[in-house]
Amino acid sequence: WVGAEGMVYEGFDSGMHVIDPFPIPADWTRVGAIDLGFDNPFVHLWGALDGDKRLYIYREHFEAHKLLSYHADQIKAGDKVSWRVRDHDAQEGEELKQYGIASRPAQKDVLRGIQKVAERLVKQPNGKPRIFITRDCPNLIAEFPRYRWKGGKAKEEPVKEGDHAMDALRYMVMELDNKKVYVYC
């Protein structure tokens, strides 16, 4: 058991947010997010949005010490997505594209991303949060209670350790919920 003190996502409740896998309806929008890695795990999360824009993370690929071609094959074996965001590495993004995996750079504002994920964890007036994770995503589920703030309660910067699925989740939620403001000159 891990106590809540210093946890980034204090609102995470496995009893409410973790659900059994179920067949994703064909009309739900599917999306993806990648956190690149080699020595650290390469992570791809698959998410689906229901008609009320609740996000269901229903599949993960989480593996280290493999080449991009391997990860591309694993991604292609999963559901097709409407869009996919990834960590910013331009070279790896181009290599993934050569393997048939389209993606765009993620919005990487860490604190804003954490805020957006935390907002989705909150139980709404209808009694449901705006994010669920199926038990098919054990690495993502395991990272929630271990994802901590540096220095405990400072809430300025999370510890950069064992956060690979957390990063991919943050990229996905930022793409969904952080509306970019474009200024034209």
Protein backbone atom coordinates (compact mmCIF):
# COMPACT_ATOMS: atom_id res chain seq x y z
CA TRP A 1 0.00 0.00 0.00
CA VAL A 2 1.27 3.45 -0.89
CA GLY A 3 0.04 6.48 1.02
CA ALA A 4 -1.39 9.51 -0.75
CA GLU A 5 1.09 12.07 0.61
CA GLY A 6 3.13 13.45 -2.24
CA MET A 7 1.11 11.60 -4.87
CA VAL A 8 0.66 13.63 -8.04
CA TYR A 9 -2.81 12.22 -8.70
CA GLU A 10 -4.37 12.17 -5.24
CA GLY A 11 -7.78 11.85 -6.91
CA PHE A 12 -6.95 8.46 -8.42
CA ASP A 13 -9.14 5.77 -6.89
CA SER A 14 -8.63 2.29 -8.33
CA GLY A 15 -12.13 1.34 -7.17
CA MET A 16 -13.64 4.07 -9.31
CA HIS A 17 -11.18 4.53 -12.20
CA VAL A 18 -10.07 0.94 -12.90
CA ILE A 19 -12.66 -1.14 -14.72
CA ASP A 20 -12.93 -4.53 -16.36
CA PRO A 21 -12.14 -4.69 -20.09
CA PHE A 22 -15.10 -4.53 -22.45
CA PRO A 23 -15.58 -4.44 -26.23
CA ILE A 24 -15.07 -0.86 -27.39
CA PRO A 25 -18.10 0.22 -29.46
CA ALA A 26 -17.29 0.73 -33.14
CA ASP A 27 -18.56 4.32 -33.16
CA TRP A 28 -16.27 5.53 -30.35
CA THR A 29 -13.31 7.67 -31.40
CA ARG A 30 -10.00 5.90 -30.80
CA VAL A 31 -6.81 7.83 -30.05
CA GLY A 32 -3.21 6.99 -29.19
CA ALA A 33 -0.20 8.38 -27.35
CA ILE A 34 3.46 7.37 -27.31
CA ASP A 35 6.24 7.94 -24.80
CA LEU A 36 9.44 7.00 -26.60
CA GLY A 37 12.05 4.87 -24.90
CA PHE A 38 14.72 2.24 -25.33
CA ASP A 39 16.47 1.73 -21.98
CA ASN A 40 13.28 3.09 -20.43
CA PRO A 41 10.06 1.51 -21.64
CA PHE A 42 8.52 2.58 -24.92
CA VAL A 43 4.82 3.11 -24.16
CA HIS A 44 1.82 3.29 -26.45
CA LEU A 45 -1.61 3.81 -24.93
CA TRP A 46 -4.89 3.30 -26.78
CA GLY A 47 -7.83 5.39 -25.63
CA ALA A 48 -11.45 5.62 -26.71
CA LEU A 49 -13.96 8.41 -26.22
CA ASP A 50 -17.61 7.64 -25.54
CA GLY A 51 -20.48 9.90 -26.61
CA ASP A 52 -20.00 12.03 -23.49
CA LYS A 53 -16.25 12.45 -24.19
CA ARG A 54 -15.26 10.24 -21.26
CA LEU A 55 -11.86 8.69 -21.96
CA TYR A 56 -11.29 4.95 -21.60
CA ILE A 57 -7.66 3.77 -21.70
CA TYR A 58 -8.15 0.21 -22.82
CA ARG A 59 -4.82 -1.10 -24.06
CA GLU A 60 -1.13 -0.52 -23.50
CA HIS A 61 2.12 -1.55 -25.11
CA PHE A 62 4.92 -1.15 -22.54
CA GLU A 63 8.33 -2.59 -23.34
CA ALA A 64 12.02 -1.65 -23.15
CA HIS A 65 15.11 -2.69 -25.11
CA LYS A 66 13.37 -3.10 -28.47
CA LEU A 67 13.86 -1.29 -31.76
CA LEU A 68 11.28 1.06 -33.26
CA SER A 69 10.40 -1.51 -35.93
CA TYR A 70 9.29 -3.90 -33.17
CA HIS A 71 7.17 -1.24 -31.47
CA ALA A 72 5.65 -0.24 -34.82
CA ASP A 73 4.57 -3.86 -35.38
CA GLN A 74 2.98 -3.95 -31.92
CA ILE A 75 1.13 -0.70 -32.58
CA LYS A 76 -0.09 -1.90 -35.98
CA ALA A 77 -1.43 -5.06 -34.30
CA GLY A 78 -3.68 -2.86 -32.14
CA ASP A 79 -6.69 -0.80 -33.10
CA LYS A 80 -6.38 1.97 -35.64
CA VAL A 81 -6.64 5.43 -34.12
CA SER A 82 -7.97 8.77 -35.39
CA TRP A 83 -4.82 10.50 -34.20
CA ARG A 84 -1.70 9.78 -32.19
CA VAL A 85 0.64 12.07 -30.26
CA ARG A 86 4.19 11.30 -29.22
CA ASP A 87 7.17 12.60 -27.39
CA HIS A 88 8.99 15.27 -29.41
CA ASP A 89 11.97 13.37 -30.80
CA ALA A 90 11.76 14.31 -34.50
CA GLN A 91 14.03 11.53 -35.75
CA GLU A 92 12.08 8.79 -34.02
CA GLY A 93 8.84 10.38 -35.21
CA GLU A 94 10.08 10.21 -38.81
CA GLU A 95 11.24 6.62 -38.34
CA LEU A 96 7.84 5.63 -36.96
CA LYS A 97 6.23 7.28 -39.99
CA GLN A 98 8.43 5.12 -42.25
CA TYR A 99 7.03 2.07 -40.44
CA GLY A 100 3.47 3.28 -41.06
CA ILE A 101 2.83 4.88 -37.66
CA ALA A 102 1.62 8.45 -38.07
CA SER A 103 1.96 10.76 -35.07
CA ARG A 104 2.40 14.38 -34.18
CA PRO A 105 4.42 16.01 -31.39
CA ALA A 106 2.64 16.15 -28.06
CA GLN A 107 1.96 19.23 -25.98
CA LYS A 108 4.50 18.79 -23.21
CA ASP A 109 3.55 21.39 -20.59
CA VAL A 110 3.97 19.03 -17.63
CA LEU A 111 2.12 20.96 -14.93
CA ARG A 112 -0.77 21.90 -17.22
CA GLY A 113 -0.95 18.26 -18.39
CA ILE A 114 -1.05 17.01 -14.81
CA GLN A 115 -3.85 19.50 -14.09
CA LYS A 116 -5.83 18.25 -17.11
CA VAL A 117 -5.46 14.58 -16.10
CA ALA A 118 -6.43 15.46 -12.50
CA GLU A 119 -9.55 17.22 -13.79
CA ARG A 120 -10.59 14.04 -15.64
CA LEU A 121 -10.18 12.01 -12.42
CA VAL A 122 -12.81 14.08 -10.57
CA LYS A 123 -16.21 12.44 -10.10
CA GLN A 124 -18.79 14.44 -12.04
CA PRO A 125 -22.39 15.22 -10.94
CA ASN A 126 -23.50 12.07 -12.82
CA GLY A 127 -21.33 10.03 -10.42
CA LYS A 128 -18.70 9.14 -13.04
CA PRO A 129 -15.21 10.50 -13.62
CA ARG A 130 -14.13 11.53 -17.13
CA ILE A 131 -11.41 8.86 -17.34
CA PHE A 132 -11.33 5.10 -16.84
CA ILE A 133 -8.51 2.58 -17.24
CA THR A 134 -9.18 -1.06 -17.98
CA ARG A 135 -7.35 -3.82 -16.16
CA ASP A 136 -5.64 -4.55 -19.51
CA CYS A 137 -3.27 -1.66 -18.63
CA PRO A 138 -1.39 -2.93 -15.55
CA ASN A 139 1.67 -0.70 -16.02
CA LEU A 140 -0.38 2.48 -16.27
CA ILE A 141 -2.42 1.46 -13.22
CA ALA A 142 0.75 0.66 -11.24
CA GLU A 143 2.31 4.05 -12.04
CA PHE A 144 -0.57 6.13 -10.61
CA PRO A 145 0.22 5.62 -6.89
CA ARG A 146 4.00 5.75 -7.49
CA TYR A 147 3.93 9.03 -9.43
CA ARG A 148 5.15 11.55 -6.83
CA TRP A 149 6.09 15.19 -6.46
CA LYS A 150 9.76 15.99 -5.86
CA GLY A 151 10.12 17.02 -2.25
CA GLY A 152 6.73 15.60 -1.26
CA LYS A 153 4.09 18.32 -1.34
CA ALA A 154 5.86 21.06 -3.34
CA LYS A 155 3.80 20.32 -6.49
CA GLU A 156 6.34 22.06 -8.68
CA GLU A 157 7.81 19.08 -10.49
CA PRO A 158 7.13 15.33 -10.45
CA VAL A 159 9.90 12.80 -9.92
CA LYS A 160 11.12 11.63 -13.35
CA GLU A 161 11.19 7.95 -12.53
CA GLY A 162 8.79 5.18 -13.46
CA ASP A 163 6.52 7.70 -15.20
CA HIS A 164 6.50 6.49 -18.79
CA ALA A 165 2.83 5.53 -18.99
CA MET A 166 2.00 8.69 -17.00
CA ASP A 167 3.76 10.76 -19.69
CA ALA A 168 1.84 9.05 -22.51
CA LEU A 169 -1.44 9.57 -20.64
CA ARG A 170 -0.64 13.24 -20.10
CA TYR A 171 0.14 13.70 -23.82
CA MET A 172 -3.20 12.14 -24.77
CA VAL A 173 -5.25 14.19 -22.31
CA MET A 174 -3.48 17.42 -23.29
CA GLU A 175 -4.36 16.78 -26.93
CA LEU A 176 -8.00 16.22 -25.94
CA ASP A 177 -8.48 18.93 -23.33
CA ASN A 178 -5.91 21.70 -23.78
CA LYS A 179 -7.22 23.88 -26.55
CA LYS A 180 -4.35 25.61 -28.29
CA VAL A 181 -4.74 29.32 -28.79
CA TYR A 182 -3.34 30.52 -32.09
CA VAL A 183 -2.44 34.16 -32.54
CA TYR A 184 -2.20 35.35 -36.13
CA CYS A 185 -0.08 38.40 -36.89
